[in-house]
Amino acid sequence: MEYIKEVNINEAIIHILDSNANGPILNEYKLRLDDENYKFILKHVEKCLKDQQLRYAQFNNERNIVKEVSQEYLNGQSDLLTISTEYGPMLGILKMDYIKNYIHVIDTVEDKIGINIAPEVTGLPMTASKIKKCAFIKPIREGQEFNLMLIDKQKKSKDSEEYGSNYFIKNYLGCNVIENERDMTRQLVENTDKFIKDNIDDVKTAVKTKDLLREKLKKEDTINIEDITDEIFKDETLKQEFINFNYENNIDKPIEVDKEFVTKIVNTLKFKLNKNITLSIPEDIYSDINSFEVRDNGDGTANIIIKDVSTIR
């Protein structure tokens, strides 16, 4: 997994694709990268590259205008948005959806001043917002594991058509998403959480299962689902159900553990309890018996005790 941490913006250009207009408005000049513009774009790029939904992909073999133009640019033959990273140059494509802002409007009527509020519907997303669709394309080289990184966030809808839901990846970019170690590590964690929710009523067993998986992820470089199942569960029925559940949900072979992703998820532990209570606890406090304790009641329930509280805000 390539975690990009160093980004420089070399050039940028902005175009307008408005469904209410007759056609796209294509810019013939590069964006002026003054300090304000540079920071605005850089924050969006950095946020995208850190997004947990960033995926890896490979271009299809068929001809595709995005692939061809991006390679022309990265080989010095055209002008678009480009960034450089510790892994080399990349071409970035960010779809920045309009947001509605409100501005004040000053009118003068018969020597009197009137101030009103008016909607502004063509605002660009602030840096606190998340980009829903983007791609970062690498120069294509022989033997690459992936050619591009992408985000394709969609509204969950049972009525969404196959063509529309896959347009950005399949039709526009012309690529196939590939699974990497972060995807597989996250999938195992999500599978375990869902399995616990659906199959384990005993709180003590649920907590122990989470703890054992977390320790395996921290210590092991490769995880085999059958091996960890033997360590986590004693009940033979639960063992087989857990293995089958993972097989059905994309974990059917040993996975390489993404240590950087594991560090992010184990530093803070999150628990969803009954009565709509959510706990978020730093790992060092969770592991400190003098600060936090899960006390088994012996009937499938447990008391969660937070100790020595001196401040509530």
Protein backbone atom coordinates (compact mmCIF):
# COMPACT_ATOMS: atom_id res chain seq x y z
CA MET A 1 0.00 0.00 0.00
CA GLU A 2 1.45 3.37 -1.04
CA TYR A 3 0.58 6.03 1.52
CA ILE A 4 1.35 9.37 -0.12
CA LYS A 5 2.46 11.94 2.44
CA GLU A 6 4.39 14.49 0.38
CA VAL A 7 2.43 16.44 -2.25
CA ASN A 8 3.40 19.40 -4.41
CA ILE A 9 1.06 20.99 -6.94
CA ASN A 10 2.91 21.83 -10.14
CA GLU A 11 0.06 23.01 -12.37
CA ALA A 12 -3.72 23.20 -12.24
CA ILE A 13 -6.62 24.06 -14.51
CA ILE A 14 -10.35 24.32 -13.77
CA HIS A 15 -13.24 23.61 -16.17
CA ILE A 16 -16.99 24.07 -15.70
CA LEU A 17 -19.30 21.12 -16.34
CA ASP A 18 -22.79 22.41 -15.62
CA SER A 19 -25.79 20.24 -16.47
CA ASN A 20 -27.90 23.40 -16.78
CA ALA A 21 -25.62 24.87 -19.44
CA ASN A 22 -25.55 24.07 -23.15
CA GLY A 23 -22.16 22.42 -22.83
CA PRO A 24 -18.91 22.41 -20.88
CA ILE A 25 -16.92 25.61 -20.47
CA LEU A 26 -13.31 24.63 -21.03
CA ASN A 27 -10.55 26.82 -19.66
CA GLU A 28 -7.74 27.78 -22.03
CA TYR A 29 -5.45 29.04 -19.28
CA LYS A 30 -3.78 27.41 -16.30
CA LEU A 31 -5.00 28.36 -12.85
CA ARG A 32 -3.05 31.10 -11.13
CA LEU A 33 -1.49 29.28 -8.19
CA ASP A 34 -1.13 32.11 -5.72
CA ASP A 35 -0.84 31.22 -2.04
CA GLU A 36 -4.61 31.12 -1.48
CA ASN A 37 -5.41 28.96 -4.52
CA TYR A 38 -2.48 26.64 -3.85
CA LYS A 39 -3.57 25.98 -0.27
CA PHE A 40 -7.19 25.44 -1.34
CA ILE A 41 -6.30 22.77 -3.90
CA LEU A 42 -3.57 21.20 -1.77
CA LYS A 43 -5.93 20.65 1.18
CA HIS A 44 -8.48 18.94 -1.07
CA VAL A 45 -5.79 16.73 -2.64
CA GLU A 46 -4.29 15.77 0.72
CA LYS A 47 -7.74 15.01 2.12
CA CYS A 48 -8.55 12.76 -0.84
CA LEU A 49 -5.26 10.86 -0.54
CA LYS A 50 -5.96 10.21 3.16
CA ASP A 51 -9.59 9.21 2.61
CA GLN A 52 -10.43 5.69 3.81
CA GLN A 53 -12.43 5.14 0.62
CA LEU A 54 -9.44 5.73 -1.67
CA ARG A 55 -9.08 2.65 -3.90
CA TYR A 56 -6.46 1.30 -6.29
CA ALA A 57 -7.28 0.50 -9.91
CA GLN A 58 -5.81 -0.55 -13.25
CA PHE A 59 -6.80 0.81 -16.64
CA ASN A 60 -8.51 -1.62 -18.99
CA ASN A 61 -6.72 -2.61 -22.19
CA GLU A 62 -9.35 -0.93 -24.36
CA ARG A 63 -8.79 2.59 -25.68
CA ASN A 64 -9.98 5.31 -23.32
CA ILE A 65 -9.67 9.07 -23.70
CA VAL A 66 -8.82 9.65 -20.01
CA LYS A 67 -6.01 7.09 -20.10
CA GLU A 68 -4.61 8.44 -23.36
CA VAL A 69 -4.76 12.14 -22.45
CA SER A 70 -3.37 11.54 -18.96
CA GLN A 71 -0.39 9.66 -20.37
CA GLU A 72 0.18 12.39 -22.97
CA TYR A 73 0.28 14.93 -20.17
CA LEU A 74 2.49 12.90 -17.85
CA ASN A 75 4.86 12.41 -20.75
CA GLY A 76 4.97 16.18 -21.35
CA GLN A 77 2.56 16.50 -24.28
CA SER A 78 -0.45 18.39 -22.82
CA ASP A 79 -1.53 20.62 -19.92
CA LEU A 80 -3.86 19.57 -17.10
CA LEU A 81 -3.73 19.37 -13.27
CA THR A 82 -0.56 17.73 -12.01
CA ILE A 83 0.92 16.95 -8.63
CA SER A 84 4.23 15.45 -7.63
CA THR A 85 4.67 13.02 -4.74
CA GLU A 86 7.43 10.96 -3.17
CA TYR A 87 6.31 8.22 -5.59
CA GLY A 88 6.70 10.41 -8.67
CA PRO A 89 4.37 12.62 -10.76
CA MET A 90 0.61 12.10 -10.88
CA LEU A 91 -2.31 13.65 -12.71
CA GLY A 92 -5.24 14.56 -10.47
CA ILE A 93 -8.89 14.84 -11.50
CA LEU A 94 -11.22 16.24 -8.83
CA LYS A 95 -14.97 16.55 -9.37
CA MET A 96 -15.97 19.52 -7.22
CA ASP A 97 -19.74 19.62 -6.83
CA TYR A 98 -21.43 22.98 -6.42
CA ILE A 99 -22.58 23.94 -2.95
CA LYS A 100 -25.22 26.52 -2.07
CA ASN A 101 -23.90 29.55 -0.22
CA TYR A 102 -25.73 32.70 0.81
CA ILE A 103 -24.45 36.19 0.14
CA HIS A 104 -25.71 39.62 1.09
CA VAL A 105 -26.98 41.95 -1.64
CA ILE A 106 -27.07 45.73 -1.24
CA ASP A 107 -29.71 47.65 -3.18
CA THR A 108 -30.38 51.38 -3.31
CA VAL A 109 -34.04 52.34 -3.76
CA GLU A 110 -35.01 56.03 -3.73
CA ASP A 111 -31.88 57.02 -1.81
CA LYS A 112 -32.52 54.30 0.77
CA ILE A 113 -30.25 51.33 1.34
CA GLY A 114 -31.73 47.85 1.44
CA ILE A 115 -29.73 44.75 2.37
CA ASN A 116 -31.02 41.32 1.47
CA ILE A 117 -29.82 37.72 1.42
CA ALA A 118 -29.54 35.82 -1.86
CA PRO A 119 -28.53 32.22 -2.64
CA GLU A 120 -25.30 31.59 -4.54
CA VAL A 121 -25.54 28.12 -6.08
CA THR A 122 -22.16 27.91 -7.82
CA GLY A 123 -19.88 27.87 -4.80
CA LEU A 124 -16.99 25.40 -4.68
CA PRO A 125 -16.74 22.99 -1.73
CA MET A 126 -14.78 24.31 1.24
CA THR A 127 -11.67 22.45 2.35
CA ALA A 128 -13.64 20.98 5.26
CA SER A 129 -15.88 19.16 2.75
CA LYS A 130 -15.02 15.80 1.22
CA ILE A 131 -14.66 15.27 -2.51
CA LYS A 132 -16.99 12.51 -3.71
CA LYS A 133 -15.25 11.60 -6.96
CA CYS A 134 -11.60 11.95 -7.90
CA ALA A 135 -8.71 10.12 -9.53
CA PHE A 136 -4.93 10.32 -9.26
CA ILE A 137 -3.25 8.81 -12.31
CA LYS A 138 0.34 7.59 -12.52
CA PRO A 139 2.54 7.28 -15.61
CA ILE A 140 1.85 3.76 -16.89
CA ARG A 141 4.89 1.54 -16.59
CA GLU A 142 5.38 -2.16 -17.21
CA GLY A 143 4.89 -4.36 -14.15
CA GLN A 144 2.85 -1.82 -12.15
CA GLU A 145 0.46 -3.19 -9.56
CA PHE A 146 -1.89 -0.25 -10.18
CA ASN A 147 -2.12 2.75 -12.51
CA LEU A 148 -4.37 5.06 -10.53
CA MET A 149 -6.02 5.79 -7.21
CA LEU A 150 -9.66 6.85 -7.07
CA ILE A 151 -12.63 7.72 -4.90
CA ASP A 152 -16.18 7.07 -6.09
CA LYS A 153 -18.65 7.86 -3.32
CA GLN A 154 -22.28 7.26 -4.19
CA LYS A 155 -25.60 7.68 -2.50
CA LYS A 156 -26.91 4.28 -1.49
CA SER A 157 -30.07 3.62 -3.46
CA LYS A 158 -31.83 0.41 -4.41
CA ASP A 159 -33.16 2.17 -7.48
CA SER A 160 -29.77 3.27 -8.87
CA GLU A 161 -29.13 1.82 -12.30
CA GLU A 162 -26.05 -0.29 -12.96
CA TYR A 163 -24.80 2.05 -15.72
CA GLY A 164 -25.17 5.19 -13.65
CA SER A 165 -23.72 3.72 -10.48
CA ASN A 166 -20.58 2.49 -12.26
CA TYR A 167 -20.18 5.31 -14.78
CA PHE A 168 -17.21 7.09 -13.17
CA ILE A 169 -15.12 3.93 -12.82
CA LYS A 170 -16.21 1.77 -15.75
CA ASN A 171 -17.07 4.32 -18.42
CA TYR A 172 -15.29 7.58 -17.63
CA LEU A 173 -11.99 6.23 -16.25
CA GLY A 174 -12.22 2.84 -17.96
CA CYS A 175 -10.59 0.89 -15.15
CA ASN A 176 -11.09 -1.96 -12.70
CA VAL A 177 -10.70 -1.57 -8.96
CA ILE A 178 -8.17 -3.93 -7.38
CA GLU A 179 -8.03 -5.01 -3.76
CA ASN A 180 -4.98 -4.03 -1.74
CA GLU A 181 -3.84 -4.97 1.76
CA ARG A 182 -5.69 -2.04 3.34
CA ASP A 183 -8.96 -3.06 1.68
CA MET A 184 -8.57 -6.65 2.87
CA THR A 185 -7.55 -5.65 6.40
CA ARG A 186 -10.53 -3.32 6.66
CA GLN A 187 -12.83 -6.00 5.23
CA LEU A 188 -11.73 -8.47 7.92
CA VAL A 189 -12.41 -5.91 10.67
CA GLU A 190 -15.83 -5.06 9.21
CA ASN A 191 -16.70 -8.74 8.79
CA THR A 192 -15.79 -9.43 12.41
CA ASP A 193 -17.84 -6.49 13.71
CA LYS A 194 -20.89 -7.56 11.70
CA PHE A 195 -20.51 -11.20 12.74
CA ILE A 196 -20.35 -10.19 16.40
CA LYS A 197 -23.43 -7.99 16.03
CA ASP A 198 -25.48 -10.73 14.35
CA ASN A 199 -24.27 -13.84 16.19
CA ILE A 200 -22.86 -13.05 19.63
CA ASP A 201 -25.20 -11.89 22.38
CA ASP A 202 -22.78 -12.33 25.26
CA VAL A 203 -20.96 -9.02 25.90
CA LYS A 204 -17.88 -10.66 27.41
CA THR A 205 -17.41 -12.89 24.35
CA ALA A 206 -17.96 -9.95 21.99
CA VAL A 207 -15.33 -7.81 23.75
CA LYS A 208 -12.88 -10.71 23.92
CA THR A 209 -13.33 -11.40 20.20
CA LYS A 210 -12.56 -7.78 19.33
CA ASP A 211 -9.52 -7.79 21.63
CA LEU A 212 -8.08 -10.99 20.17
CA LEU A 213 -8.50 -9.80 16.59
CA ARG A 214 -6.90 -6.46 17.42
CA GLU A 215 -3.87 -8.18 18.97
CA LYS A 216 -3.48 -10.49 15.95
CA LEU A 217 -3.59 -7.52 13.59
CA LYS A 218 -0.90 -5.74 15.60
CA LYS A 219 1.44 -8.73 15.81
CA GLU A 220 0.99 -10.66 12.56
CA ASP A 221 2.07 -9.66 9.05
CA THR A 222 -0.18 -12.26 7.41
CA ILE A 223 -3.48 -13.61 8.72
CA ASN A 224 -5.15 -16.86 7.75
CA ILE A 225 -8.84 -16.87 8.63
CA GLU A 226 -8.85 -20.51 9.75
CA ASP A 227 -5.92 -19.97 12.11
CA ILE A 228 -7.31 -16.91 13.86
CA THR A 229 -10.74 -18.56 14.11
CA ASP A 230 -9.23 -21.38 16.19
CA GLU A 231 -7.72 -18.82 18.56
CA ILE A 232 -10.76 -16.55 18.81
CA PHE A 233 -13.61 -19.06 19.16
CA LYS A 234 -13.94 -22.21 21.26
CA ASP A 235 -17.41 -23.16 20.04
CA GLU A 236 -17.11 -25.33 16.90
CA THR A 237 -20.37 -24.06 15.43
CA LEU A 238 -19.28 -20.43 15.81
CA LYS A 239 -15.92 -21.28 14.26
CA GLN A 240 -17.47 -22.69 11.10
CA GLU A 241 -20.05 -19.90 10.86
CA PHE A 242 -17.31 -17.27 11.17
CA ILE A 243 -15.20 -18.94 8.47
CA ASN A 244 -18.19 -19.27 6.14
CA PHE A 245 -19.21 -15.66 6.76
CA ASN A 246 -15.74 -14.42 5.80
CA TYR A 247 -15.63 -16.66 2.72
CA GLU A 248 -18.93 -15.16 1.61
CA ASN A 249 -17.61 -11.63 2.22
CA ASN A 250 -14.36 -11.55 0.29
CA ILE A 251 -11.95 -13.08 2.85
CA ASP A 252 -11.22 -16.50 1.35
CA LYS A 253 -7.41 -16.52 1.40
CA PRO A 254 -4.57 -15.32 3.67
CA ILE A 255 -4.37 -11.53 3.80
CA GLU A 256 -1.38 -9.22 4.13
CA VAL A 257 -1.98 -6.93 7.11
CA ASP A 258 -1.74 -3.19 6.43
CA LYS A 259 0.11 -2.02 9.53
CA GLU A 260 -0.50 1.69 8.96
CA PHE A 261 -4.25 1.12 8.70
CA VAL A 262 -4.14 -1.07 11.83
CA THR A 263 -2.35 1.69 13.74
CA LYS A 264 -5.16 4.10 12.88
CA ILE A 265 -7.95 1.80 14.02
CA VAL A 266 -6.31 0.48 17.20
CA ASN A 267 -5.21 3.82 18.60
CA THR A 268 -8.85 4.61 19.36
CA LEU A 269 -11.36 1.85 20.09
CA LYS A 270 -15.04 2.42 19.38
CA PHE A 271 -17.93 0.48 20.88
CA LYS A 272 -21.62 0.81 20.07
CA LEU A 273 -23.71 -0.15 23.08
CA ASN A 274 -27.43 -0.49 23.64
CA LYS A 275 -29.54 2.60 24.26
CA ASN A 276 -27.70 4.47 21.48
CA ILE A 277 -24.48 4.86 23.47
CA THR A 278 -21.17 5.05 21.61
CA LEU A 279 -17.83 4.87 23.41
CA SER A 280 -14.59 6.12 21.86
CA ILE A 281 -11.58 5.18 24.00
CA PRO A 282 -7.82 5.62 23.44
CA GLU A 283 -6.12 2.23 23.50
CA ASP A 284 -3.80 3.11 26.39
CA ILE A 285 -6.79 3.99 28.59
CA TYR A 286 -8.73 0.91 27.46
CA SER A 287 -5.78 -1.29 28.46
CA ASP A 288 -5.32 0.42 31.85
CA ILE A 289 -7.28 -1.47 34.53
CA ASN A 290 -7.08 1.62 36.74
CA SER A 291 -8.92 3.72 34.14
CA PHE A 292 -11.35 1.39 32.37
CA GLU A 293 -12.96 -1.97 33.03
CA VAL A 294 -15.54 -4.27 31.46
CA ARG A 295 -16.98 -6.29 34.34
CA ASP A 296 -18.90 -9.45 33.40
CA ASN A 297 -22.27 -9.91 35.13
CA GLY A 298 -22.42 -13.63 34.34
CA ASP A 299 -25.74 -13.40 32.51
CA GLY A 300 -24.57 -12.23 29.08
CA THR A 301 -24.47 -8.58 30.12
CA ALA A 302 -21.62 -6.50 31.49
CA ASN A 303 -20.99 -3.28 33.37
CA ILE A 304 -18.61 -0.82 31.77
CA ILE A 305 -16.73 1.18 34.38
CA ILE A 306 -14.83 4.41 33.70
CA LYS A 307 -12.68 5.15 36.74
CA ASP A 308 -11.23 8.23 38.42
CA VAL A 309 -13.20 10.76 36.37
CA SER A 310 -12.19 14.28 37.38
CA THR A 311 -13.68 16.31 34.53
CA ILE A 312 -16.91 16.15 32.51
CA ARG A 313 -17.44 18.57 29.63
